[in-house]
Amino acid sequence: MKSYGNHCNRFLACLALSTAPFTPAFAQFEISHTDGIADIKSSTTYIPMKDTNSDIAAKYKDVFRKYWKFSKIQFIKYDDLGKYITPTSSFFTMEKEVIKQTDEQFHWSDKFNEIYFELWLPDEKFFKI
């Protein structure tokens, strides 16, 4: 289990650095469920992307191929995600949210990005419907 955390931390650090190399950043890291780690290691982890053939996607793919060490990976399009949801599959998703703060009284505004990395398994209840 310690190995998982070390690989995951190293991978997330490299990914974060590759997405914003000259931007000051703050980060939080949370592991909320560790009971699925063995399932992730024995499954294929699908990494959805908007366009798997773009130049930007190629850079992300290189980082994943170099540092992702605890499961087999496959890159898919977000539009196809539903086709890959099975009881034995896992997913690594990335989301970005742009936050804008404005204070008209003091005439300032600020904009920053929140980036979420999520490694997840489908809920078993999904397949019992």
Foldseek 3Di string as FASTA:
>chain_A
DVVVVVLVVVLVVVVVCVVCVPDDDDDDDDDDDDPCLVLALEAEEEEADQDCPDPVNVVVVVSCVVRVDRHHYDYHHPVCVVVPQDQRYKYKYKDKDKDKDDDVVVGDIDIDIDMDIDIGHDDPVVVVD
